[in-house]
Amino acid sequence: MPRGDKGALADFKFLLPPINEQRAIAHILGTLDDKIELNRKQNETLEAMARALFKAWFVDFEPVRAKMEGRWQRGQSLPGLPAHLYDLFPDRLVESELGEVPEGWEMCSLDSIANYLNGLALQKFPPESEEEFLPVIKIAQLRAGNTNGADRASARIRPEYVVADGDVLFSWSGSLEVEVWNGGPGALNQHLFKVTSDKVPKWFYFFATRHHLPAFRAIAAGKATTMGHIQRKHLTDARIAVAPQERMQEFDAVIAPLFEQFVRNYQQSRTLAQLRDTLLPKLISGELRVSDAEGIVVGAAP
């Protein structure tokens, strides 16, 4: 078994900043960590709020039931039911082939409201050079939320297969996950869907896909293969209630700000983590002074 040289470690010399400067460095980096943690907690709240509204409005039809039962009157606000939204919801449910649905709404398949683009076999698209490439986003990268240690692919693949911050990705094989990607530009690998739509807002197809994720995981677990997966027919079978277009636009005005802040927080946290990791060696080595770093941090983490 190879072993480290204890004597070499004991003889190793390095520059150690004075204790006051060490504390100042720790304070600067701690400020960044505090902001990252604050964003994480805020995102838990934002996602929970947006998810709860989606489920109440488009799965449980709580506003419609509240109107039918007289629990919600015009001009009245209830949790998750602001007064100004009263007239946007029907006052009764009607039977459909898939069960009850709000009057005037439609039960639609996931693949009819959004486009699920499968990724490429990116080993067939090698990078142009050491400088020109895109990191490959596979299931492992999706779960980690970054491209650290990722394979490399051509930067000249078709634009629709390039992943950008804010894109919704769905791993349909192996470990089934639905996430908003915020790990920087990358190339979409096979076994991942990039989900887009020109029919419904991003938050809608994100939560609609996530709503069916437990069922998709059950289907994948039942596959007699080494790597469970779902098929496109399962996207067709998965249905969600969709309101008329003008109503969806008004619902969007309520939920989109929550969802967009959720995405911005993730992106800011990634930037702050990169800044923290860049500042640390520069501060320890003395390449960057504490006073200069303080100004950088104040500008990056207001």
C-alpha atoms as a PDB file:
ATOM      1  CA  MET A   1       0.000   0.000   0.000  1.00  0.00           C
ATOM      2  CA  PRO A   2       1.559   3.333  -0.989  1.00  0.00           C
ATOM      3  CA  ARG A   3       1.887   5.689   1.960  1.00  0.00           C
ATOM      4  CA  GLY A   4       2.495   9.403   2.317  1.00  0.00           C
ATOM      5  CA  ASP A   5       5.866  10.608   3.542  1.00  0.00           C
ATOM      6  CA  LYS A   6       5.286  11.771   7.096  1.00  0.00           C
ATOM      7  CA  GLY A   7       8.606  13.575   7.191  1.00  0.00           C
ATOM      8  CA  ALA A   8       7.839  15.505   4.002  1.00  0.00           C
ATOM      9  CA  LEU A   9       4.559  16.645   5.478  1.00  0.00           C
ATOM     10  CA  ALA A  10       6.299  17.819   8.642  1.00  0.00           C
ATOM     11  CA  ASP A  11       8.853  19.770   6.603  1.00  0.00           C
ATOM     12  CA  PHE A  12       6.253  21.348   4.275  1.00  0.00           C
ATOM     13  CA  LYS A  13       6.374  25.149   4.473  1.00  0.00           C
ATOM     14  CA  PHE A  14       3.546  27.485   3.498  1.00  0.00           C
ATOM     15  CA  LEU A  15       2.488  31.069   4.070  1.00  0.00           C
ATOM     16  CA  LEU A  16      -0.026  31.477   6.904  1.00  0.00           C
ATOM     17  CA  PRO A  17      -1.848  34.820   7.168  1.00  0.00           C
ATOM     18  CA  PRO A  18      -1.970  36.472  10.610  1.00  0.00           C
ATOM     19  CA  ILE A  19      -4.889  35.348  12.769  1.00  0.00           C
ATOM     20  CA  ASN A  20      -6.766  38.628  12.294  1.00  0.00           C
ATOM     21  CA  GLU A  21      -6.533  38.240   8.544  1.00  0.00           C
ATOM     22  CA  GLN A  22      -7.631  34.598   8.782  1.00  0.00           C
ATOM     23  CA  ARG A  23     -10.734  35.739  10.649  1.00  0.00           C
ATOM     24  CA  ALA A  24     -11.405  38.441   8.058  1.00  0.00           C
ATOM     25  CA  ILE A  25     -11.091  35.866   5.265  1.00  0.00           C
ATOM     26  CA  ALA A  26     -13.445  33.515   7.106  1.00  0.00           C
ATOM     27  CA  HIS A  27     -15.952  36.349   7.512  1.00  0.00           C
ATOM     28  CA  ILE A  28     -15.869  37.168   3.787  1.00  0.00           C
ATOM     29  CA  LEU A  29     -16.330  33.562   2.710  1.00  0.00           C
ATOM     30  CA  GLY A  30     -18.913  33.026   5.444  1.00  0.00           C
ATOM     31  CA  THR A  31     -20.954  35.893   4.017  1.00  0.00           C
ATOM     32  CA  LEU A  32     -21.148  34.046   0.717  1.00  0.00           C
ATOM     33  CA  ASP A  33     -22.064  30.781   2.439  1.00  0.00           C
ATOM     34  CA  ASP A  34     -24.782  32.563   4.426  1.00  0.00           C
ATOM     35  CA  LYS A  35     -26.318  33.973   1.253  1.00  0.00           C
ATOM     36  CA  ILE A  36     -26.214  30.558  -0.439  1.00  0.00           C
ATOM     37  CA  GLU A  37     -27.965  29.012   2.570  1.00  0.00           C
ATOM     38  CA  LEU A  38     -30.543  31.814   2.619  1.00  0.00           C
ATOM     39  CA  ASN A  39     -31.281  31.179  -1.067  1.00  0.00           C
ATOM     40  CA  ARG A  40     -31.675  27.457  -0.359  1.00  0.00           C
ATOM     41  CA  LYS A  41     -34.199  28.054   2.403  1.00  0.00           C
ATOM     42  CA  GLN A  42     -36.067  30.642   0.351  1.00  0.00           C
ATOM     43  CA  ASN A  43     -36.233  28.225  -2.563  1.00  0.00           C
ATOM     44  CA  GLU A  44     -37.756  25.532  -0.374  1.00  0.00           C
ATOM     45  CA  THR A  45     -40.530  27.985   0.471  1.00  0.00           C
ATOM     46  CA  LEU A  46     -40.973  29.268  -3.096  1.00  0.00           C
ATOM     47  CA  GLU A  47     -41.163  25.774  -4.590  1.00  0.00           C
ATOM     48  CA  ALA A  48     -43.570  24.594  -1.890  1.00  0.00           C
ATOM     49  CA  MET A  49     -45.855  27.586  -2.524  1.00  0.00           C
ATOM     50  CA  ALA A  50     -45.858  27.157  -6.308  1.00  0.00           C
ATOM     51  CA  ARG A  51     -46.326  23.376  -6.035  1.00  0.00           C
ATOM     52  CA  ALA A  52     -49.205  23.780  -3.582  1.00  0.00           C
ATOM     53  CA  LEU A  53     -50.996  26.240  -5.868  1.00  0.00           C
ATOM     54  CA  PHE A  54     -50.523  23.972  -8.874  1.00  0.00           C
ATOM     55  CA  LYS A  55     -51.903  20.945  -7.039  1.00  0.00           C
ATOM     56  CA  ALA A  56     -54.858  22.857  -5.561  1.00  0.00           C
ATOM     57  CA  TRP A  57     -55.836  24.460  -8.863  1.00  0.00           C
ATOM     58  CA  PHE A  58     -55.042  21.832 -11.502  1.00  0.00           C
ATOM     59  CA  VAL A  59     -55.172  18.495  -9.657  1.00  0.00           C
ATOM     60  CA  ASP A  60     -57.573  18.800  -6.717  1.00  0.00           C
ATOM     61  CA  PHE A  61     -59.659  21.639  -8.256  1.00  0.00           C
ATOM     62  CA  GLU A  62     -59.991  23.151  -4.791  1.00  0.00           C
ATOM     63  CA  PRO A  63     -61.244  26.587  -5.973  1.00  0.00           C
ATOM     64  CA  VAL A  64     -64.030  24.975  -7.994  1.00  0.00           C
ATOM     65  CA  ARG A  65     -65.045  22.751  -5.090  1.00  0.00           C
ATOM     66  CA  ALA A  66     -64.937  25.716  -2.704  1.00  0.00           C
ATOM     67  CA  LYS A  67     -67.302  27.649  -4.988  1.00  0.00           C
ATOM     68  CA  MET A  68     -69.621  24.654  -5.380  1.00  0.00           C
ATOM     69  CA  GLU A  69     -69.792  24.175  -1.619  1.00  0.00           C
ATOM     70  CA  GLY A  70     -70.199  27.878  -0.818  1.00  0.00           C
ATOM     71  CA  ARG A  71     -66.856  28.058   1.042  1.00  0.00           C
ATOM     72  CA  TRP A  72     -65.529  30.788  -1.284  1.00  0.00           C
ATOM     73  CA  GLN A  73     -67.533  33.879  -2.149  1.00  0.00           C
ATOM     74  CA  ARG A  74     -66.795  36.727  -4.537  1.00  0.00           C
ATOM     75  CA  GLY A  75     -64.560  39.309  -2.861  1.00  0.00           C
ATOM     76  CA  GLN A  76     -63.338  36.810  -0.266  1.00  0.00           C
ATOM     77  CA  SER A  77     -59.750  35.573   0.068  1.00  0.00           C
ATOM     78  CA  LEU A  78     -58.855  32.135   1.346  1.00  0.00           C
ATOM     79  CA  PRO A  79     -55.410  30.480   1.603  1.00  0.00           C
ATOM     80  CA  GLY A  80     -54.263  29.950  -1.967  1.00  0.00           C
ATOM     81  CA  LEU A  81     -57.445  31.566  -3.303  1.00  0.00           C
ATOM     82  CA  PRO A  82     -56.956  35.323  -3.692  1.00  0.00           C
ATOM     83  CA  ALA A  83     -60.234  37.209  -4.097  1.00  0.00           C
ATOM     84  CA  HIS A  84     -59.324  38.608  -7.526  1.00  0.00           C
ATOM     85  CA  LEU A  85     -59.087  35.067  -8.946  1.00  0.00           C
ATOM     86  CA  TYR A  86     -62.683  34.149  -8.076  1.00  0.00           C
ATOM     87  CA  ASP A  87     -64.133  34.672 -11.548  1.00  0.00           C
ATOM     88  CA  LEU A  88     -61.297  32.735 -13.227  1.00  0.00           C
ATOM     89  CA  PHE A  89     -62.517  29.403 -11.902  1.00  0.00           C
ATOM     90  CA  PRO A  90     -65.688  27.607 -13.057  1.00  0.00           C
ATOM     91  CA  ASP A  91     -68.380  26.992 -10.471  1.00  0.00           C
ATOM     92  CA  ARG A  92     -68.912  23.321 -11.287  1.00  0.00           C
ATOM     93  CA  LEU A  93     -67.176  20.115 -12.316  1.00  0.00           C
ATOM     94  CA  VAL A  94     -68.300  18.068 -15.309  1.00  0.00           C
ATOM     95  CA  GLU A  95     -67.706  14.437 -16.171  1.00  0.00           C
ATOM     96  CA  SER A  96     -65.040  13.507 -18.712  1.00  0.00           C
ATOM     97  CA  GLU A  97     -63.673  10.180 -19.884  1.00  0.00           C
ATOM     98  CA  LEU A  98     -60.934  10.658 -17.272  1.00  0.00           C
ATOM     99  CA  GLY A  99     -63.116  11.742 -14.385  1.00  0.00           C
ATOM    100  CA  GLU A 100     -64.352  15.128 -13.226  1.00  0.00           C
ATOM    101  CA  VAL A 101     -62.836  18.279 -14.672  1.00  0.00           C
ATOM    102  CA  PRO A 102     -63.725  21.972 -14.235  1.00  0.00           C
ATOM    103  CA  GLU A 103     -66.299  23.096 -16.779  1.00  0.00           C
ATOM    104  CA  GLY A 104     -64.605  24.501 -19.874  1.00  0.00           C
ATOM    105  CA  TRP A 105     -61.249  22.918 -19.032  1.00  0.00           C
ATOM    106  CA  GLU A 106     -59.681  19.997 -20.882  1.00  0.00           C
ATOM    107  CA  MET A 107     -57.756  16.917 -19.802  1.00  0.00           C
ATOM    108  CA  CYS A 108     -54.616  16.887 -21.957  1.00  0.00           C
ATOM    109  CA  SER A 109     -51.727  14.468 -22.293  1.00  0.00           C
ATOM    110  CA  LEU A 110     -48.282  15.672 -21.289  1.00  0.00           C
ATOM    111  CA  ASP A 111     -46.913  15.233 -24.785  1.00  0.00           C
ATOM    112  CA  SER A 112     -49.732  17.354 -26.248  1.00  0.00           C
ATOM    113  CA  ILE A 113     -48.910  20.400 -24.126  1.00  0.00           C
ATOM    114  CA  ALA A 114     -45.103  20.138 -24.183  1.00  0.00           C
ATOM    115  CA  ASN A 115     -42.270  18.855 -26.346  1.00  0.00           C
ATOM    116  CA  TYR A 116     -40.071  16.161 -24.774  1.00  0.00           C
ATOM    117  CA  LEU A 117     -36.817  16.211 -26.764  1.00  0.00           C
ATOM    118  CA  ASN A 118     -34.578  13.191 -26.193  1.00  0.00           C
ATOM    119  CA  GLY A 119     -30.837  13.843 -26.076  1.00  0.00           C
ATOM    120  CA  LEU A 120     -28.094  12.667 -28.410  1.00  0.00           C
ATOM    121  CA  ALA A 121     -25.623   9.793 -28.224  1.00  0.00           C
ATOM    122  CA  LEU A 122     -22.910  12.360 -27.623  1.00  0.00           C
ATOM    123  CA  GLN A 123     -19.990   9.963 -27.980  1.00  0.00           C
ATOM    124  CA  LYS A 124     -20.670  10.433 -31.691  1.00  0.00           C
ATOM    125  CA  PHE A 125     -20.056  14.182 -31.349  1.00  0.00           C
ATOM    126  CA  PRO A 126     -16.502  14.636 -29.994  1.00  0.00           C
ATOM    127  CA  PRO A 127     -15.274  18.088 -28.920  1.00  0.00           C
ATOM    128  CA  GLU A 128     -13.533  20.289 -31.459  1.00  0.00           C
ATOM    129  CA  SER A 129     -10.559  20.947 -29.160  1.00  0.00           C
ATOM    130  CA  GLU A 130      -9.483  21.329 -25.542  1.00  0.00           C
ATOM    131  CA  GLU A 131     -10.833  24.871 -25.644  1.00  0.00           C
ATOM    132  CA  GLU A 132     -13.994  24.399 -27.719  1.00  0.00           C
ATOM    133  CA  PHE A 133     -16.495  21.976 -26.184  1.00  0.00           C
ATOM    134  CA  LEU A 134     -19.687  21.600 -24.174  1.00  0.00           C
ATOM    135  CA  PRO A 135     -19.844  19.516 -20.988  1.00  0.00           C
ATOM    136  CA  VAL A 136     -22.126  16.501 -21.391  1.00  0.00           C
ATOM    137  CA  ILE A 137     -25.189  16.555 -19.150  1.00  0.00           C
ATOM    138  CA  LYS A 138     -26.061  13.007 -18.152  1.00  0.00           C
ATOM    139  CA  ILE A 139     -28.222  11.693 -15.320  1.00  0.00           C
ATOM    140  CA  ALA A 140     -25.314  12.053 -12.884  1.00  0.00           C
ATOM    141  CA  GLN A 141     -24.924  15.747 -13.754  1.00  0.00           C
ATOM    142  CA  LEU A 142     -28.653  16.319 -13.461  1.00  0.00           C
ATOM    143  CA  ARG A 143     -28.684  14.846  -9.973  1.00  0.00           C
ATOM    144  CA  ALA A 144     -25.581  16.787  -8.897  1.00  0.00           C
ATOM    145  CA  GLY A 145     -26.773  20.041 -10.449  1.00  0.00           C
ATOM    146  CA  ASN A 146     -23.393  20.765 -12.042  1.00  0.00           C
ATOM    147  CA  THR A 147     -21.012  19.559 -14.739  1.00  0.00           C
ATOM    148  CA  ASN A 148     -17.935  18.933 -12.568  1.00  0.00           C
ATOM    149  CA  GLY A 149     -15.927  16.123 -14.146  1.00  0.00           C
ATOM    150  CA  ALA A 150     -18.382  15.752 -17.031  1.00  0.00           C
ATOM    151  CA  ASP A 151     -17.455  14.281 -20.412  1.00  0.00           C
ATOM    152  CA  ARG A 152     -17.000  16.696 -23.294  1.00  0.00           C
ATOM    153  CA  ALA A 153     -18.882  16.982 -26.573  1.00  0.00           C
ATOM    154  CA  SER A 154     -18.931  19.175 -29.634  1.00  0.00           C
ATOM    155  CA  ALA A 155     -19.926  22.793 -29.131  1.00  0.00           C
ATOM    156  CA  ARG A 156     -21.450  22.750 -32.625  1.00  0.00           C
ATOM    157  CA  ILE A 157     -24.373  20.414 -32.026  1.00  0.00           C
ATOM    158  CA  ARG A 158     -27.789  21.651 -33.095  1.00  0.00           C
ATOM    159  CA  PRO A 159     -29.058  24.463 -30.832  1.00  0.00           C
ATOM    160  CA  GLU A 160     -32.073  22.527 -29.577  1.00  0.00           C
ATOM    161  CA  TYR A 161     -29.702  20.018 -27.931  1.00  0.00           C
ATOM    162  CA  VAL A 162     -27.808  22.721 -26.043  1.00  0.00           C
ATOM    163  CA  VAL A 163     -28.963  23.045 -22.430  1.00  0.00           C
ATOM    164  CA  ALA A 164     -29.072  26.475 -20.778  1.00  0.00           C
ATOM    165  CA  ASP A 165     -29.816  27.664 -17.268  1.00  0.00           C
ATOM    166  CA  GLY A 166     -33.541  27.519 -16.564  1.00  0.00           C
ATOM    167  CA  ASP A 167     -34.260  24.580 -18.893  1.00  0.00           C
ATOM    168  CA  VAL A 168     -36.471  21.790 -17.564  1.00  0.00           C
ATOM    169  CA  LEU A 169     -34.786  18.375 -17.811  1.00  0.00           C
ATOM    170  CA  PHE A 170     -36.408  14.987 -17.254  1.00  0.00           C
ATOM    171  CA  SER A 171     -34.327  11.812 -16.935  1.00  0.00           C
ATOM    172  CA  TRP A 172     -36.629   9.110 -18.231  1.00  0.00           C
ATOM    173  CA  SER A 173     -34.274   6.153 -17.696  1.00  0.00           C
ATOM    174  CA  GLY A 174     -32.449   4.824 -14.658  1.00  0.00           C
ATOM    175  CA  SER A 175     -32.932   7.420 -11.949  1.00  0.00           C
ATOM    176  CA  LEU A 176     -36.091   9.310 -12.962  1.00  0.00           C
ATOM    177  CA  GLU A 177     -35.855  12.986 -12.001  1.00  0.00           C
ATOM    178  CA  VAL A 178     -37.452  16.252 -13.146  1.00  0.00           C
ATOM    179  CA  GLU A 179     -35.367  19.345 -12.419  1.00  0.00           C
ATOM    180  CA  VAL A 180     -34.823  22.920 -13.529  1.00  0.00           C
ATOM    181  CA  TRP A 181     -31.227  22.943 -14.742  1.00  0.00           C
ATOM    182  CA  ASN A 182     -28.994  25.695 -13.344  1.00  0.00           C
ATOM    183  CA  GLY A 183     -25.544  24.202 -13.830  1.00  0.00           C
ATOM    184  CA  GLY A 184     -24.430  26.268 -16.819  1.00  0.00           C
ATOM    185  CA  PRO A 185     -24.352  25.502 -20.568  1.00  0.00           C
ATOM    186  CA  GLY A 186     -24.113  21.874 -21.619  1.00  0.00           C
ATOM    187  CA  ALA A 187     -25.009  19.243 -24.197  1.00  0.00           C
ATOM    188  CA  LEU A 188     -28.137  17.106 -23.776  1.00  0.00           C
ATOM    189  CA  ASN A 189     -27.250  13.419 -23.520  1.00  0.00           C
ATOM    190  CA  GLN A 190     -29.541  10.534 -24.418  1.00  0.00           C
ATOM    191  CA  HIS A 191     -31.836   9.277 -21.639  1.00  0.00           C
ATOM    192  CA  LEU A 192     -32.677  12.894 -20.824  1.00  0.00           C
ATOM    193  CA  PHE A 193     -35.608  14.901 -22.136  1.00  0.00           C
ATOM    194  CA  LYS A 194     -35.347  18.653 -22.522  1.00  0.00           C
ATOM    195  CA  VAL A 195     -38.909  19.857 -22.006  1.00  0.00           C
ATOM    196  CA  THR A 196     -40.239  22.969 -23.734  1.00  0.00           C
ATOM    197  CA  SER A 197     -43.622  24.317 -24.741  1.00  0.00           C
ATOM    198  CA  ASP A 198     -45.264  27.105 -26.700  1.00  0.00           C
ATOM    199  CA  LYS A 199     -48.681  26.183 -25.277  1.00  0.00           C
ATOM    200  CA  VAL A 200     -48.340  26.403 -21.494  1.00  0.00           C
ATOM    201  CA  PRO A 201     -45.953  28.228 -19.103  1.00  0.00           C
ATOM    202  CA  LYS A 202     -42.737  26.590 -17.919  1.00  0.00           C
ATOM    203  CA  TRP A 203     -43.954  26.199 -14.334  1.00  0.00           C
ATOM    204  CA  PHE A 204     -47.014  24.344 -15.619  1.00  0.00           C
ATOM    205  CA  TYR A 205     -45.210  21.653 -17.610  1.00  0.00           C
ATOM    206  CA  PHE A 206     -42.572  21.378 -14.859  1.00  0.00           C
ATOM    207  CA  PHE A 207     -45.116  20.656 -12.115  1.00  0.00           C
ATOM    208  CA  ALA A 208     -47.336  18.616 -14.457  1.00  0.00           C
ATOM    209  CA  THR A 209     -44.415  16.298 -15.276  1.00  0.00           C
ATOM    210  CA  ARG A 210     -43.408  16.126 -11.625  1.00  0.00           C
ATOM    211  CA  HIS A 211     -46.995  15.300 -10.666  1.00  0.00           C
ATOM    212  CA  HIS A 212     -46.747  12.114 -12.725  1.00  0.00           C
ATOM    213  CA  LEU A 213     -43.199  11.284 -11.605  1.00  0.00           C
ATOM    214  CA  PRO A 214     -44.242   8.726  -8.917  1.00  0.00           C
ATOM    215  CA  ALA A 215     -46.281   6.834 -11.519  1.00  0.00           C
ATOM    216  CA  PHE A 216     -43.399   7.007 -14.018  1.00  0.00           C
ATOM    217  CA  ARG A 217     -41.000   5.651 -11.387  1.00  0.00           C
ATOM    218  CA  ALA A 218     -43.372   2.781 -10.662  1.00  0.00           C
ATOM    219  CA  ILE A 219     -43.499   1.945 -14.383  1.00  0.00           C
ATOM    220  CA  ALA A 220     -39.694   2.053 -14.626  1.00  0.00           C
ATOM    221  CA  ALA A 221     -39.307  -0.115 -11.520  1.00  0.00           C
ATOM    222  CA  GLY A 222     -41.543  -2.732 -13.085  1.00  0.00           C
ATOM    223  CA  LYS A 223     -39.359  -3.093 -16.167  1.00  0.00           C
ATOM    224  CA  ALA A 224     -37.575  -6.428 -16.318  1.00  0.00           C
ATOM    225  CA  THR A 225     -34.328  -4.772 -17.383  1.00  0.00           C
ATOM    226  CA  THR A 226     -31.174  -3.605 -15.681  1.00  0.00           C
ATOM    227  CA  MET A 227     -32.140   0.012 -16.327  1.00  0.00           C
ATOM    228  CA  GLY A 228     -35.831   0.801 -15.885  1.00  0.00           C
ATOM    229  CA  HIS A 229     -37.354   3.472 -18.061  1.00  0.00           C
ATOM    230  CA  ILE A 230     -40.568   4.870 -19.435  1.00  0.00           C
ATOM    231  CA  GLN A 231     -41.671   5.132 -23.057  1.00  0.00           C
ATOM    232  CA  ARG A 232     -43.272   7.972 -24.981  1.00  0.00           C
ATOM    233  CA  LYS A 233     -46.649   6.268 -24.766  1.00  0.00           C
ATOM    234  CA  HIS A 234     -46.543   6.877 -21.026  1.00  0.00           C
ATOM    235  CA  LEU A 235     -46.343  10.623 -21.690  1.00  0.00           C
ATOM    236  CA  THR A 236     -49.454  10.240 -23.815  1.00  0.00           C
ATOM    237  CA  ASP A 237     -51.262   8.318 -21.104  1.00  0.00           C
ATOM    238  CA  ALA A 238     -50.371  10.890 -18.426  1.00  0.00           C
ATOM    239  CA  ARG A 239     -53.066  13.590 -18.333  1.00  0.00           C
ATOM    240  CA  ILE A 240     -53.425  16.960 -16.644  1.00  0.00           C
ATOM    241  CA  ALA A 241     -56.274  19.482 -16.550  1.00  0.00           C
ATOM    242  CA  VAL A 242     -55.590  22.590 -18.638  1.00  0.00           C
ATOM    243  CA  ALA A 243     -57.609  25.791 -18.413  1.00  0.00           C
ATOM    244  CA  PRO A 244     -58.490  27.893 -21.490  1.00  0.00           C
ATOM    245  CA  GLN A 245     -55.590  30.001 -22.795  1.00  0.00           C
ATOM    246  CA  GLU A 246     -56.813  33.340 -21.448  1.00  0.00           C
ATOM    247  CA  ARG A 247     -57.262  31.813 -18.001  1.00  0.00           C
ATOM    248  CA  MET A 248     -53.807  30.217 -18.098  1.00  0.00           C
ATOM    249  CA  GLN A 249     -52.299  33.640 -18.755  1.00  0.00           C
ATOM    250  CA  GLU A 250     -53.942  35.026 -15.641  1.00  0.00           C
ATOM    251  CA  PHE A 251     -52.862  32.050 -13.536  1.00  0.00           C
ATOM    252  CA  ASP A 252     -49.369  32.582 -14.928  1.00  0.00           C
ATOM    253  CA  ALA A 253     -49.297  36.088 -13.450  1.00  0.00           C
ATOM    254  CA  VAL A 254     -49.653  34.529  -9.986  1.00  0.00           C
ATOM    255  CA  ILE A 255     -47.327  31.517 -10.152  1.00  0.00           C
ATOM    256  CA  ALA A 256     -44.641  32.660 -12.622  1.00  0.00           C
ATOM    257  CA  PRO A 257     -43.047  35.226 -10.246  1.00  0.00           C
ATOM    258  CA  LEU A 258     -42.593  32.507  -7.594  1.00  0.00           C
ATOM    259  CA  PHE A 259     -41.085  30.123 -10.109  1.00  0.00           C
ATOM    260  CA  GLU A 260     -38.819  32.743 -11.688  1.00  0.00           C
ATOM    261  CA  GLN A 261     -37.442  33.823  -8.298  1.00  0.00           C
ATOM    262  CA  PHE A 262     -36.816  30.153  -7.531  1.00  0.00           C
ATOM    263  CA  VAL A 263     -34.701  29.864 -10.703  1.00  0.00           C
ATOM    264  CA  ARG A 264     -32.862  33.169 -10.077  1.00  0.00           C
ATOM    265  CA  ASN A 265     -31.911  32.073  -6.559  1.00  0.00           C
ATOM    266  CA  TYR A 266     -30.367  28.861  -7.869  1.00  0.00           C
ATOM    267  CA  GLN A 267     -28.378  30.753 -10.470  1.00  0.00           C
ATOM    268  CA  GLN A 268     -27.173  33.313  -7.941  1.00  0.00           C
ATOM    269  CA  SER A 269     -26.102  30.556  -5.552  1.00  0.00           C
ATOM    270  CA  ARG A 270     -24.050  28.912  -8.290  1.00  0.00           C
ATOM    271  CA  THR A 271     -22.341  32.229  -9.048  1.00  0.00           C
ATOM    272  CA  LEU A 272     -21.651  32.841  -5.358  1.00  0.00           C
ATOM    273  CA  ALA A 273     -20.187  29.347  -4.887  1.00  0.00           C
ATOM    274  CA  GLN A 274     -17.878  29.890  -7.856  1.00  0.00           C
ATOM    275  CA  LEU A 275     -16.821  33.259  -6.440  1.00  0.00           C
ATOM    276  CA  ARG A 276     -16.140  31.708  -3.011  1.00  0.00           C
ATOM    277  CA  ASP A 277     -13.979  28.969  -4.522  1.00  0.00           C
ATOM    278  CA  THR A 278     -12.070  31.532  -6.605  1.00  0.00           C
ATOM    279  CA  LEU A 279     -11.467  33.948  -3.731  1.00  0.00           C
ATOM    280  CA  LEU A 280     -10.222  31.393  -1.177  1.00  0.00           C
ATOM    281  CA  PRO A 281      -6.799  30.570  -2.708  1.00  0.00           C
ATOM    282  CA  LYS A 282      -6.246  34.187  -3.732  1.00  0.00           C
ATOM    283  CA  LEU A 283      -6.907  35.437  -0.199  1.00  0.00           C
ATOM    284  CA  ILE A 284      -4.835  32.735   1.495  1.00  0.00           C
ATOM    285  CA  SER A 285      -1.884  33.375  -0.818  1.00  0.00           C
ATOM    286  CA  GLY A 286      -2.099  37.146  -0.428  1.00  0.00           C
ATOM    287  CA  GLU A 287      -2.702  37.623  -4.159  1.00  0.00           C
ATOM    288  CA  LEU A 288      -5.910  39.439  -3.232  1.00  0.00           C
ATOM    289  CA  ARG A 289      -6.286  41.736  -0.251  1.00  0.00           C
ATOM    290  CA  VAL A 290      -9.201  41.425   2.160  1.00  0.00           C
ATOM    291  CA  SER A 291     -10.369  44.985   1.481  1.00  0.00           C
ATOM    292  CA  ASP A 292     -10.588  44.279  -2.259  1.00  0.00           C
ATOM    293  CA  ALA A 293     -12.444  41.009  -1.692  1.00  0.00           C
ATOM    294  CA  GLU A 294     -14.968  42.724   0.563  1.00  0.00           C
ATOM    295  CA  GLY A 295     -15.996  45.023  -2.282  1.00  0.00           C
ATOM    296  CA  ILE A 296     -16.374  42.072  -4.650  1.00  0.00           C
ATOM    297  CA  VAL A 297     -18.540  40.168  -2.162  1.00  0.00           C
ATOM    298  CA  VAL A 298     -20.779  43.155  -1.386  1.00  0.00           C
ATOM    299  CA  GLY A 299     -21.459  43.575  -5.099  1.00  0.00           C
ATOM    300  CA  ALA A 300     -22.164  39.874  -5.634  1.00  0.00           C
ATOM    301  CA  ALA A 301     -24.256  39.134  -2.532  1.00  0.00           C
ATOM    302  CA  PRO A 302     -26.332  42.226  -1.732  1.00  0.00           C
END
